[in-house]
Amino acid sequence: MKRSSDRATTAFMTGYRETMRNTRLWPTDPHAADAMINFFLLEKVLYDIEDELFHRFEWLHIPLTGMLRLLSEPASETLLSETL
């Protein structure tokens, strides 16, 4: 059974993909789209790690957990790939 956050992520990404599909900004290749999204997710989690290091060290485990989850899942098994 999926967690509610997983369901919310899947629903958001499905809507995002449908909205962006016919724009010039969105890659036509689904694998390229996944790679682009994963790049931006990694960039965001690195920003969050830096922010927590300087402002709320006791919360650092939250973005670190997110980064480990993002990096430990093969691209074909990420939540984002489920929305194809």
Protein backbone atom coordinates (compact mmCIF):
# COMPACT_ATOMS: atom_id res chain seq x y z
CA MET A 1 0.00 0.00 0.00
CA LYS A 2 1.33 3.39 -0.96
CA ARG A 3 1.86 6.11 1.58
CA SER A 4 -0.23 9.24 1.14
CA SER A 5 2.87 11.25 0.23
CA ASP A 6 3.68 8.74 -2.52
CA ARG A 7 0.13 9.01 -3.87
CA ALA A 8 0.32 12.81 -3.77
CA THR A 9 3.65 12.76 -5.62
CA THR A 10 2.27 10.42 -8.27
CA ALA A 11 -0.86 12.56 -8.74
CA PHE A 12 1.19 15.76 -8.97
CA MET A 13 3.64 14.30 -11.48
CA THR A 14 0.83 12.88 -13.62
CA GLY A 15 -0.80 16.31 -13.81
CA TYR A 16 2.54 18.02 -14.39
CA ARG A 17 3.45 15.68 -17.23
CA GLU A 18 0.05 16.13 -18.87
CA THR A 19 0.33 19.92 -18.64
CA MET A 20 3.91 20.08 -19.89
CA ARG A 21 3.70 17.36 -22.55
CA ASN A 22 3.02 19.66 -25.51
CA THR A 23 5.37 22.47 -24.59
CA ARG A 24 8.79 23.12 -26.04
CA LEU A 25 10.33 22.99 -22.57
CA TRP A 26 9.38 19.36 -21.96
CA PRO A 27 11.52 16.57 -23.49
CA THR A 28 9.63 14.30 -25.87
CA ASP A 29 11.63 11.28 -24.71
CA PRO A 30 10.14 9.98 -21.42
CA HIS A 31 13.59 8.86 -20.19
CA ALA A 32 15.01 12.33 -20.83
CA ALA A 33 12.05 13.82 -18.95
CA ASP A 34 12.73 11.50 -15.99
CA ALA A 35 16.42 12.40 -16.04
CA MET A 36 15.59 16.11 -16.07
CA ILE A 37 13.15 15.80 -13.16
CA ASN A 38 15.59 13.68 -11.16
CA PHE A 39 18.32 16.26 -11.77
CA PHE A 40 16.10 19.04 -10.41
CA LEU A 41 15.04 16.90 -7.44
CA LEU A 42 18.69 16.26 -6.62
CA GLU A 43 19.48 19.96 -6.98
CA LYS A 44 16.61 20.81 -4.61
CA VAL A 45 17.63 18.25 -1.99
CA LEU A 46 21.23 19.54 -2.07
CA TYR A 47 19.92 23.07 -1.50
CA ASP A 48 17.81 21.79 1.42
CA ILE A 49 20.83 20.03 2.94
CA GLU A 50 22.84 23.24 2.80
CA ASP A 51 19.96 25.22 4.28
CA GLU A 52 19.52 22.81 7.19
CA LEU A 53 23.28 22.76 7.84
CA PHE A 54 23.28 26.51 8.39
CA HIS A 55 19.87 27.11 9.94
CA ARG A 56 18.39 23.99 11.56
CA PHE A 57 21.08 21.38 12.03
CA GLU A 58 18.74 19.16 14.05
CA TRP A 59 16.51 18.82 10.93
CA LEU A 60 19.37 17.76 8.64
CA HIS A 61 18.19 14.15 8.70
CA ILE A 62 15.08 15.10 6.69
CA PRO A 63 16.77 16.17 3.42
CA LEU A 64 19.50 13.55 3.89
CA THR A 65 16.81 10.86 4.02
CA GLY A 66 15.27 12.31 0.86
CA MET A 67 18.63 12.31 -0.91
CA LEU A 68 19.33 8.70 0.09
CA ARG A 69 15.91 7.67 -1.16
CA LEU A 70 16.36 9.52 -4.44
CA LEU A 71 19.84 8.10 -5.05
CA SER A 72 19.05 4.56 -3.93
CA GLU A 73 16.20 3.96 -6.37
CA PRO A 74 17.03 2.97 -9.93
CA ALA A 75 15.57 5.49 -12.38
CA SER A 76 13.09 2.92 -13.66
CA GLU A 77 11.70 2.41 -10.15
CA THR A 78 11.30 5.99 -8.94
CA LEU A 79 7.89 7.38 -8.10
CA LEU A 80 8.29 9.71 -11.03
CA SER A 81 8.57 6.84 -13.50
CA GLU A 82 5.28 5.39 -12.26
CA THR A 83 3.41 8.28 -13.85
CA LEU A 84 4.35 7.39 -17.44
